[in-house]
């Protein structure tokens, strides 16, 4: 690991996360993310939700290939998106996510996006997912591999 990588990891761990040990990605706001209001367009945040959710799921051993092999997947039932502060061109944003609940059918995921330079939370969100049979598109119980990986990764809210 390079010195820059270690510095980034240290910086990320010192950010004011809502819960301990988020799964993180760092993005930089690019010109294509900017809208007429000269800040990151709302739809970009939705893409970032998908990016960080897939990165976390894949890190837990359940990426697209595993979904396909198991014939099941998690699909969004509901998103809650809270835009708190603008992000602007060139800013580095730490995307963080946690699984906050899981049972045999559903999964809850929380998100927090923090501007790295000033440590300010720019966005919070929540998604609820439901398990479906990929071939039939019908709600089904999660395969045991899903239950094990996802329930073991649930992070409770911090006390206080």
N, C-alpha and C. Protein backbone atom coordinates (compact mmCIF):
# COMPACT_ATOMS: atom_id res chain seq x y z
N UNK A 1 0.85 -1.17 0.00
CA UNK A 1 0.00 0.00 0.00
C UNK A 1 0.89 1.24 0.00
N UNK A 2 0.57 2.20 -0.85
CA UNK A 2 1.38 3.41 -0.96
C UNK A 2 1.11 4.35 0.21
N UNK A 3 1.99 5.32 0.37
CA UNK A 3 1.82 6.33 1.43
C UNK A 3 0.53 7.11 1.21
N UNK A 4 0.20 7.40 -0.05
CA UNK A 4 -1.04 8.12 -0.36
C UNK A 4 -2.26 7.30 0.03
N UNK A 5 -2.21 5.98 -0.23
CA UNK A 5 -3.32 5.11 0.16
C UNK A 5 -3.50 5.09 1.67
N UNK A 6 -2.38 4.99 2.39
CA UNK A 6 -2.44 4.98 3.85
C UNK A 6 -2.98 6.29 4.39
N UNK A 7 -2.58 7.40 3.77
CA UNK A 7 -3.06 8.71 4.19
C UNK A 7 -4.57 8.83 3.97
N UNK A 8 -5.04 8.34 2.82
CA UNK A 8 -6.48 8.38 2.53
C UNK A 8 -7.25 7.52 3.53
N UNK A 9 -6.75 6.31 3.83
CA UNK A 9 -7.41 5.44 4.81
C UNK A 9 -7.49 6.11 6.17
N UNK A 10 -6.41 6.75 6.57
CA UNK A 10 -6.40 7.45 7.86
C UNK A 10 -7.40 8.59 7.86
N UNK A 11 -7.43 9.35 6.77
CA UNK A 11 -8.38 10.46 6.66
C UNK A 11 -9.81 9.95 6.72
N UNK A 12 -10.11 8.88 5.99
CA UNK A 12 -11.47 8.34 5.98
C UNK A 12 -11.90 7.86 7.36
N UNK A 13 -11.00 7.21 8.08
CA UNK A 13 -11.37 6.69 9.40
C UNK A 13 -11.60 7.82 10.41
N UNK A 14 -11.05 9.00 10.15
CA UNK A 14 -11.22 10.13 11.07
C UNK A 14 -12.41 11.02 10.74
N UNK A 15 -13.14 10.70 9.69
CA UNK A 15 -14.32 11.49 9.35
C UNK A 15 -15.46 11.20 10.33
N UNK A 16 -16.39 12.15 10.48
CA UNK A 16 -17.48 11.99 11.45
C UNK A 16 -18.62 11.10 10.96
N UNK A 17 -18.34 9.81 10.86
CA UNK A 17 -19.33 8.86 10.36
C UNK A 17 -20.46 8.66 11.37
N UNK A 18 -21.65 8.41 10.87
CA UNK A 18 -22.82 8.17 11.72
C UNK A 18 -22.75 6.84 12.45
N UNK A 19 -22.08 5.86 11.86
CA UNK A 19 -21.92 4.53 12.44
C UNK A 19 -20.47 4.11 12.28
N UNK A 20 -20.04 3.13 13.04
CA UNK A 20 -18.64 2.70 12.93
C UNK A 20 -18.38 1.90 11.65
N UNK A 21 -17.16 1.95 11.20
CA UNK A 21 -16.63 1.09 10.13
C UNK A 21 -17.46 1.04 8.86
N UNK A 22 -17.68 2.18 8.21
CA UNK A 22 -18.41 2.13 6.95
C UNK A 22 -17.58 1.47 5.86
N UNK A 23 -18.27 0.90 4.89
CA UNK A 23 -17.59 0.51 3.66
C UNK A 23 -17.48 1.81 2.86
N UNK A 24 -16.31 2.12 2.34
CA UNK A 24 -16.11 3.43 1.72
C UNK A 24 -15.56 3.35 0.30
N UNK A 25 -15.89 4.37 -0.44
CA UNK A 25 -15.30 4.68 -1.74
C UNK A 25 -15.05 6.18 -1.74
N UNK A 26 -14.06 6.61 -2.49
CA UNK A 26 -13.81 8.04 -2.66
C UNK A 26 -14.07 8.39 -4.12
N UNK A 27 -14.86 9.43 -4.33
CA UNK A 27 -15.13 9.94 -5.67
C UNK A 27 -14.72 11.40 -5.72
N UNK A 28 -14.43 11.86 -6.92
CA UNK A 28 -14.15 13.27 -7.14
C UNK A 28 -15.23 13.81 -8.06
N UNK A 29 -15.83 14.92 -7.68
CA UNK A 29 -16.89 15.52 -8.49
C UNK A 29 -16.26 15.98 -9.81
N UNK A 30 -16.77 15.43 -10.90
CA UNK A 30 -16.24 15.69 -12.24
C UNK A 30 -17.17 16.63 -13.02
N UNK A 31 -16.67 17.20 -14.11
CA UNK A 31 -17.51 18.13 -14.89
C UNK A 31 -18.86 17.54 -15.31
N UNK A 32 -18.90 16.25 -15.65
CA UNK A 32 -20.15 15.65 -16.07
C UNK A 32 -21.16 15.48 -14.93
N UNK A 33 -20.73 15.67 -13.68
CA UNK A 33 -21.63 15.58 -12.52
C UNK A 33 -22.35 16.90 -12.24
N UNK A 34 -21.87 17.98 -12.82
CA UNK A 34 -22.34 19.33 -12.49
C UNK A 34 -23.56 19.70 -13.32
N UNK A 35 -24.54 20.33 -12.65
CA UNK A 35 -25.75 20.76 -13.35
C UNK A 35 -25.80 22.28 -13.46
N UNK A 36 -26.92 22.80 -13.91
CA UNK A 36 -27.11 24.22 -14.11
C UNK A 36 -26.86 25.03 -12.84
N UNK A 37 -27.12 24.44 -11.69
CA UNK A 37 -26.94 25.13 -10.42
C UNK A 37 -25.49 25.13 -9.94
N UNK A 38 -24.61 24.55 -10.78
CA UNK A 38 -23.16 24.50 -10.52
C UNK A 38 -22.79 23.65 -9.31
N UNK A 39 -23.64 22.66 -9.06
CA UNK A 39 -23.31 21.67 -8.05
C UNK A 39 -23.63 20.28 -8.61
N UNK A 40 -23.31 19.26 -7.84
CA UNK A 40 -23.55 17.89 -8.29
C UNK A 40 -25.04 17.66 -8.47
N UNK A 41 -25.41 17.17 -9.65
CA UNK A 41 -26.81 16.89 -9.96
C UNK A 41 -27.34 15.78 -9.05
N UNK A 42 -28.60 15.90 -8.66
CA UNK A 42 -29.21 14.93 -7.75
C UNK A 42 -29.12 13.50 -8.25
N UNK A 43 -29.26 13.29 -9.54
CA UNK A 43 -29.24 11.92 -10.08
C UNK A 43 -27.86 11.27 -9.91
N UNK A 44 -26.81 12.08 -9.81
CA UNK A 44 -25.46 11.54 -9.59
C UNK A 44 -25.39 10.86 -8.22
N UNK A 45 -26.05 11.43 -7.23
CA UNK A 45 -26.06 10.81 -5.90
C UNK A 45 -26.68 9.42 -5.96
N UNK A 46 -27.73 9.27 -6.76
CA UNK A 46 -28.37 7.97 -6.91
C UNK A 46 -27.39 6.97 -7.53
N UNK A 47 -26.62 7.41 -8.52
CA UNK A 47 -25.60 6.53 -9.10
C UNK A 47 -24.55 6.16 -8.06
N UNK A 48 -24.16 7.13 -7.24
CA UNK A 48 -23.19 6.84 -6.18
C UNK A 48 -23.75 5.84 -5.17
N UNK A 49 -25.06 5.92 -4.88
CA UNK A 49 -25.67 4.92 -4.00
C UNK A 49 -25.47 3.53 -4.58
N UNK A 50 -25.76 3.40 -5.86
CA UNK A 50 -25.61 2.09 -6.51
C UNK A 50 -24.15 1.64 -6.50
N UNK A 51 -23.24 2.55 -6.80
CA UNK A 51 -21.82 2.21 -6.84
C UNK A 51 -21.32 1.70 -5.49
N UNK A 52 -21.63 2.42 -4.43
CA UNK A 52 -21.14 2.02 -3.10
C UNK A 52 -21.86 0.77 -2.60
N UNK A 53 -23.14 0.62 -2.92
CA UNK A 53 -23.86 -0.59 -2.51
C UNK A 53 -23.27 -1.83 -3.18
N UNK A 54 -23.03 -1.75 -4.49
CA UNK A 54 -22.43 -2.89 -5.19
C UNK A 54 -21.02 -3.17 -4.68
N UNK A 55 -20.24 -2.12 -4.43
CA UNK A 55 -18.87 -2.33 -3.92
C UNK A 55 -18.91 -3.05 -2.58
N UNK A 56 -19.84 -2.64 -1.71
CA UNK A 56 -19.96 -3.27 -0.40
C UNK A 56 -20.44 -4.72 -0.53
N UNK A 57 -21.48 -4.94 -1.32
CA UNK A 57 -22.00 -6.29 -1.50
C UNK A 57 -20.93 -7.22 -2.08
N UNK A 58 -20.19 -6.71 -3.06
CA UNK A 58 -19.12 -7.50 -3.67
C UNK A 58 -18.03 -7.83 -2.64
N UNK A 59 -17.71 -6.86 -1.79
CA UNK A 59 -16.71 -7.10 -0.73
C UNK A 59 -17.20 -8.16 0.25
N UNK A 60 -18.51 -8.30 0.39
CA UNK A 60 -19.08 -9.34 1.25
C UNK A 60 -19.18 -10.69 0.55
N UNK A 61 -18.76 -10.73 -0.73
CA UNK A 61 -18.77 -11.98 -1.49
C UNK A 61 -20.01 -12.19 -2.33
N UNK A 62 -20.81 -11.13 -2.50
CA UNK A 62 -22.05 -11.25 -3.27
C UNK A 62 -22.11 -10.17 -4.35
N UNK A 63 -21.33 -10.37 -5.40
CA UNK A 63 -21.35 -9.47 -6.54
C UNK A 63 -22.30 -9.97 -7.60
N UNK A 64 -22.32 -9.31 -8.76
CA UNK A 64 -23.22 -9.72 -9.85
C UNK A 64 -23.08 -11.18 -10.26
N UNK A 65 -21.87 -11.70 -10.29
CA UNK A 65 -21.67 -13.10 -10.69
C UNK A 65 -22.32 -14.06 -9.69
N UNK A 66 -22.22 -13.74 -8.41
CA UNK A 66 -22.82 -14.59 -7.38
C UNK A 66 -24.35 -14.50 -7.43
N UNK A 67 -24.87 -13.31 -7.67
CA UNK A 67 -26.31 -13.16 -7.82
C UNK A 67 -26.80 -14.05 -8.97
N UNK A 68 -26.11 -13.96 -10.09
CA UNK A 68 -26.49 -14.75 -11.27
C UNK A 68 -26.42 -16.25 -10.96
N UNK A 69 -25.33 -16.68 -10.32
CA UNK A 69 -25.15 -18.10 -10.02
C UNK A 69 -26.22 -18.62 -9.05
N UNK A 70 -26.61 -17.78 -8.10
CA UNK A 70 -27.62 -18.18 -7.11
C UNK A 70 -29.05 -17.96 -7.62
N UNK A 71 -29.19 -17.24 -8.72
CA UNK A 71 -30.51 -17.02 -9.30
C UNK A 71 -31.37 -16.05 -8.52
N UNK A 72 -30.77 -15.29 -7.61
CA UNK A 72 -31.49 -14.33 -6.79
C UNK A 72 -30.73 -13.02 -6.75
N UNK A 73 -31.44 -11.95 -6.46
CA UNK A 73 -30.80 -10.65 -6.33
C UNK A 73 -31.61 -9.76 -5.41
N UNK A 74 -30.98 -8.70 -4.99
CA UNK A 74 -31.63 -7.71 -4.14
C UNK A 74 -31.98 -6.51 -5.01
N UNK A 75 -33.24 -6.11 -5.00
CA UNK A 75 -33.68 -4.95 -5.77
C UNK A 75 -34.26 -3.90 -4.84
N UNK A 76 -34.14 -2.66 -5.25
CA UNK A 76 -34.61 -1.55 -4.43
C UNK A 76 -36.13 -1.53 -4.38
N UNK A 77 -36.64 -1.42 -3.17
CA UNK A 77 -38.07 -1.21 -2.95
C UNK A 77 -38.32 0.27 -2.66
N UNK A 78 -37.37 0.90 -1.94
CA UNK A 78 -37.57 2.29 -1.55
C UNK A 78 -36.23 2.96 -1.29
N UNK A 79 -36.12 4.22 -1.71
CA UNK A 79 -34.97 5.07 -1.37
C UNK A 79 -35.47 6.27 -0.58
N UNK A 80 -34.68 6.71 0.36
CA UNK A 80 -34.88 7.99 1.03
C UNK A 80 -33.60 8.77 0.81
N UNK A 81 -33.70 9.94 0.20
CA UNK A 81 -32.53 10.74 -0.16
C UNK A 81 -32.61 12.09 0.52
N UNK A 82 -31.56 12.43 1.28
CA UNK A 82 -31.52 13.70 2.00
C UNK A 82 -30.27 14.48 1.58
N UNK A 83 -30.50 15.51 0.78
CA UNK A 83 -29.42 16.37 0.30
C UNK A 83 -29.21 17.47 1.33
N UNK A 84 -28.06 17.47 1.98
CA UNK A 84 -27.82 18.36 3.12
C UNK A 84 -27.01 19.58 2.71
N UNK A 85 -25.94 19.37 1.96
CA UNK A 85 -25.09 20.46 1.48
C UNK A 85 -24.65 20.13 0.06
N UNK A 86 -24.39 21.15 -0.71
CA UNK A 86 -23.95 20.95 -2.09
C UNK A 86 -22.54 20.40 -2.15
N UNK A 87 -22.27 19.66 -3.20
CA UNK A 87 -20.90 19.28 -3.54
C UNK A 87 -20.60 19.89 -4.89
N UNK A 88 -19.34 20.27 -5.09
CA UNK A 88 -18.98 21.05 -6.27
C UNK A 88 -17.78 20.45 -7.00
N UNK A 89 -17.60 20.93 -8.21
CA UNK A 89 -16.54 20.47 -9.09
C UNK A 89 -15.20 20.37 -8.36
N UNK A 90 -14.57 19.21 -8.49
CA UNK A 90 -13.23 18.98 -7.95
C UNK A 90 -13.20 18.49 -6.51
N UNK A 91 -14.32 18.58 -5.80
CA UNK A 91 -14.32 18.14 -4.40
C UNK A 91 -14.22 16.61 -4.33
N UNK A 92 -13.46 16.14 -3.35
CA UNK A 92 -13.39 14.70 -3.08
C UNK A 92 -14.45 14.37 -2.04
N UNK A 93 -15.22 13.33 -2.35
CA UNK A 93 -16.33 12.94 -1.49
C UNK A 93 -16.11 11.50 -1.02
N UNK A 94 -16.20 11.29 0.28
CA UNK A 94 -16.13 9.94 0.84
C UNK A 94 -17.56 9.40 0.89
N UNK A 95 -17.78 8.31 0.18
CA UNK A 95 -19.07 7.64 0.20
C UNK A 95 -18.98 6.53 1.24
N UNK A 96 -19.89 6.50 2.17
CA UNK A 96 -19.90 5.45 3.18
C UNK A 96 -21.24 4.76 3.22
N UNK A 97 -21.23 3.46 3.50
CA UNK A 97 -22.48 2.70 3.62
C UNK A 97 -22.35 1.63 4.67
N UNK A 98 -23.51 1.27 5.23
CA UNK A 98 -23.64 0.20 6.20
C UNK A 98 -24.92 -0.56 5.94
N UNK A 99 -24.92 -1.83 6.24
CA UNK A 99 -26.17 -2.58 6.32
C UNK A 99 -26.68 -2.36 7.73
N UNK A 100 -27.95 -1.97 7.82
CA UNK A 100 -28.51 -1.63 9.13
C UNK A 100 -29.65 -2.55 9.54
N UNK A 101 -30.00 -3.48 8.68
CA UNK A 101 -31.02 -4.45 9.01
C UNK A 101 -31.11 -5.50 7.91
N UNK A 102 -31.43 -6.71 8.28
CA UNK A 102 -31.61 -7.78 7.30
C UNK A 102 -32.44 -8.88 7.92
N UNK A 103 -33.33 -9.43 7.10
CA UNK A 103 -34.07 -10.62 7.49
C UNK A 103 -34.08 -11.54 6.28
N UNK A 104 -34.98 -12.48 6.20
CA UNK A 104 -34.95 -13.46 5.11
C UNK A 104 -35.48 -12.92 3.78
N UNK A 105 -36.11 -11.74 3.81
CA UNK A 105 -36.66 -11.15 2.59
C UNK A 105 -36.05 -9.80 2.24
N UNK A 106 -35.74 -9.00 3.27
CA UNK A 106 -35.35 -7.61 3.03
C UNK A 106 -34.01 -7.26 3.63
N UNK A 107 -33.53 -6.14 3.16
CA UNK A 107 -32.23 -5.62 3.57
C UNK A 107 -32.36 -4.10 3.65
N UNK A 108 -31.82 -3.51 4.71
CA UNK A 108 -31.80 -2.05 4.84
C UNK A 108 -30.36 -1.58 4.81
N UNK A 109 -30.14 -0.51 4.09
CA UNK A 109 -28.80 0.05 3.93
C UNK A 109 -28.88 1.56 4.16
N UNK A 110 -27.94 2.08 4.93
CA UNK A 110 -27.82 3.53 5.13
C UNK A 110 -26.55 4.01 4.44
N UNK A 111 -26.60 5.29 4.06
CA UNK A 111 -25.49 5.92 3.35
C UNK A 111 -25.19 7.27 3.99
N UNK A 112 -23.93 7.66 3.92
CA UNK A 112 -23.51 8.99 4.33
C UNK A 112 -22.38 9.40 3.40
N UNK A 113 -22.49 10.58 2.81
CA UNK A 113 -21.45 11.11 1.93
C UNK A 113 -20.88 12.36 2.59
N UNK A 114 -19.55 12.36 2.75
CA UNK A 114 -18.87 13.44 3.45
C UNK A 114 -17.84 14.10 2.54
N UNK A 115 -17.85 15.44 2.52
CA UNK A 115 -16.80 16.17 1.80
C UNK A 115 -15.50 15.98 2.59
N UNK A 116 -14.50 15.46 1.94
CA UNK A 116 -13.25 15.13 2.64
C UNK A 116 -12.53 16.38 3.12
N UNK A 117 -12.50 17.43 2.33
CA UNK A 117 -11.71 18.61 2.70
C UNK A 117 -12.18 19.31 3.96
N UNK A 118 -13.51 19.35 4.20
CA UNK A 118 -13.99 20.05 5.39
C UNK A 118 -14.72 19.13 6.38
N UNK A 119 -14.86 17.83 6.06
CA UNK A 119 -15.50 16.89 6.97
C UNK A 119 -16.99 17.09 7.14
N UNK A 120 -17.62 17.84 6.24
CA UNK A 120 -19.05 18.11 6.35
C UNK A 120 -19.85 17.04 5.62
N UNK A 121 -20.90 16.56 6.29
CA UNK A 121 -21.81 15.61 5.65
C UNK A 121 -22.63 16.36 4.61
N UNK A 122 -22.59 15.89 3.38
CA UNK A 122 -23.33 16.51 2.28
C UNK A 122 -24.63 15.77 1.97
N UNK A 123 -24.68 14.49 2.35
CA UNK A 123 -25.82 13.66 1.95
C UNK A 123 -25.98 12.51 2.93
N UNK A 124 -27.22 12.16 3.20
CA UNK A 124 -27.56 10.93 3.91
C UNK A 124 -28.69 10.26 3.14
N UNK A 125 -28.69 8.94 3.16
CA UNK A 125 -29.76 8.23 2.48
C UNK A 125 -30.00 6.88 3.12
N UNK A 126 -31.09 6.28 2.69
CA UNK A 126 -31.47 4.96 3.17
C UNK A 126 -32.15 4.24 2.02
N UNK A 127 -31.87 2.96 1.90
CA UNK A 127 -32.54 2.14 0.90
C UNK A 127 -33.04 0.87 1.54
N UNK A 128 -34.20 0.43 1.06
CA UNK A 128 -34.70 -0.88 1.45
C UNK A 128 -34.71 -1.73 0.19
N UNK A 129 -34.17 -2.93 0.33
CA UNK A 129 -34.08 -3.87 -0.78
C UNK A 129 -34.94 -5.09 -0.45
N UNK A 130 -35.42 -5.75 -1.48
CA UNK A 130 -36.16 -6.99 -1.32
C UNK A 130 -35.51 -8.03 -2.23
N UNK A 131 -35.51 -9.26 -1.79
CA UNK A 131 -34.91 -10.34 -2.58
C UNK A 131 -35.91 -10.82 -3.64
N UNK A 132 -35.41 -11.01 -4.85
CA UNK A 132 -36.25 -11.53 -5.93
C UNK A 132 -35.56 -12.69 -6.64
N UNK A 133 -36.36 -13.55 -7.18
CA UNK A 133 -35.90 -14.60 -8.07
C UNK A 133 -35.64 -13.91 -9.42
N UNK A 134 -34.40 -13.97 -9.90
CA UNK A 134 -34.04 -13.24 -11.11
C UNK A 134 -34.86 -13.70 -12.32
N UNK A 135 -35.03 -14.99 -12.49
CA UNK A 135 -35.74 -15.51 -13.67
C UNK A 135 -37.21 -15.14 -13.68
N UNK A 136 -37.84 -15.19 -12.50
CA UNK A 136 -39.29 -14.94 -12.43
C UNK A 136 -39.64 -13.51 -12.02
N UNK A 137 -38.66 -12.80 -11.45
CA UNK A 137 -38.92 -11.44 -11.00
C UNK A 137 -39.87 -11.36 -9.82
N UNK A 138 -39.98 -12.44 -9.07
CA UNK A 138 -40.90 -12.49 -7.93
C UNK A 138 -40.13 -12.45 -6.62
N UNK A 139 -40.77 -11.86 -5.62
CA UNK A 139 -40.17 -11.80 -4.29
C UNK A 139 -39.99 -13.21 -3.75
N UNK A 140 -38.81 -13.48 -3.24
CA UNK A 140 -38.48 -14.79 -2.68
C UNK A 140 -37.60 -14.60 -1.43
N UNK A 141 -37.57 -15.63 -0.62
CA UNK A 141 -36.63 -15.62 0.52
C UNK A 141 -35.20 -15.59 0.00
N UNK A 142 -34.34 -14.96 0.77
CA UNK A 142 -32.93 -14.91 0.39
C UNK A 142 -32.31 -16.31 0.46
N UNK A 143 -31.43 -16.64 -0.48
CA UNK A 143 -30.66 -17.87 -0.35
C UNK A 143 -29.81 -17.79 0.93
N UNK A 144 -29.44 -18.93 1.46
CA UNK A 144 -28.68 -18.95 2.72
C UNK A 144 -27.38 -18.14 2.61
N UNK A 145 -26.74 -18.12 1.46
CA UNK A 145 -25.51 -17.34 1.28
C UNK A 145 -25.79 -15.85 1.49
N UNK A 146 -26.94 -15.38 1.05
CA UNK A 146 -27.32 -13.98 1.25
C UNK A 146 -27.55 -13.71 2.73
N UNK A 147 -28.36 -14.57 3.35
CA UNK A 147 -28.69 -14.38 4.76
C UNK A 147 -27.43 -14.31 5.59
N UNK A 148 -26.52 -15.26 5.36
CA UNK A 148 -25.28 -15.30 6.15
C UNK A 148 -24.44 -14.05 5.92
N UNK A 149 -24.17 -13.71 4.67
CA UNK A 149 -23.30 -12.57 4.39
C UNK A 149 -23.91 -11.26 4.86
N UNK A 150 -25.17 -11.06 4.57
CA UNK A 150 -25.80 -9.78 4.89
C UNK A 150 -26.11 -9.62 6.38
N UNK A 151 -26.66 -10.64 7.03
CA UNK A 151 -26.99 -10.48 8.45
C UNK A 151 -25.72 -10.34 9.30
N UNK A 152 -24.64 -11.01 8.91
CA UNK A 152 -23.39 -10.89 9.66
C UNK A 152 -22.75 -9.51 9.52
N UNK A 153 -23.15 -8.75 8.49
CA UNK A 153 -22.56 -7.45 8.24
C UNK A 153 -23.39 -6.29 8.79
N UNK A 154 -24.52 -6.57 9.42
CA UNK A 154 -25.39 -5.51 9.94
C UNK A 154 -24.66 -4.75 11.05
N UNK A 155 -24.71 -3.41 10.95
CA UNK A 155 -24.09 -2.53 11.93
C UNK A 155 -25.21 -1.76 12.64
N UNK A 156 -25.32 -1.91 13.96
CA UNK A 156 -26.38 -1.19 14.66
C UNK A 156 -26.06 0.30 14.75
N UNK A 157 -27.08 1.10 15.03
CA UNK A 157 -26.89 2.53 15.24
C UNK A 157 -26.02 2.73 16.47
N UNK A 158 -25.23 3.80 16.45
CA UNK A 158 -24.39 4.12 17.61
C UNK A 158 -25.28 4.64 18.73
N UNK A 159 -24.90 4.30 19.94
CA UNK A 159 -25.64 4.77 21.12
C UNK A 159 -25.43 6.28 21.25
N UNK A 160 -26.44 6.94 21.80
CA UNK A 160 -26.29 8.37 22.07
C UNK A 160 -26.98 9.15 21.11
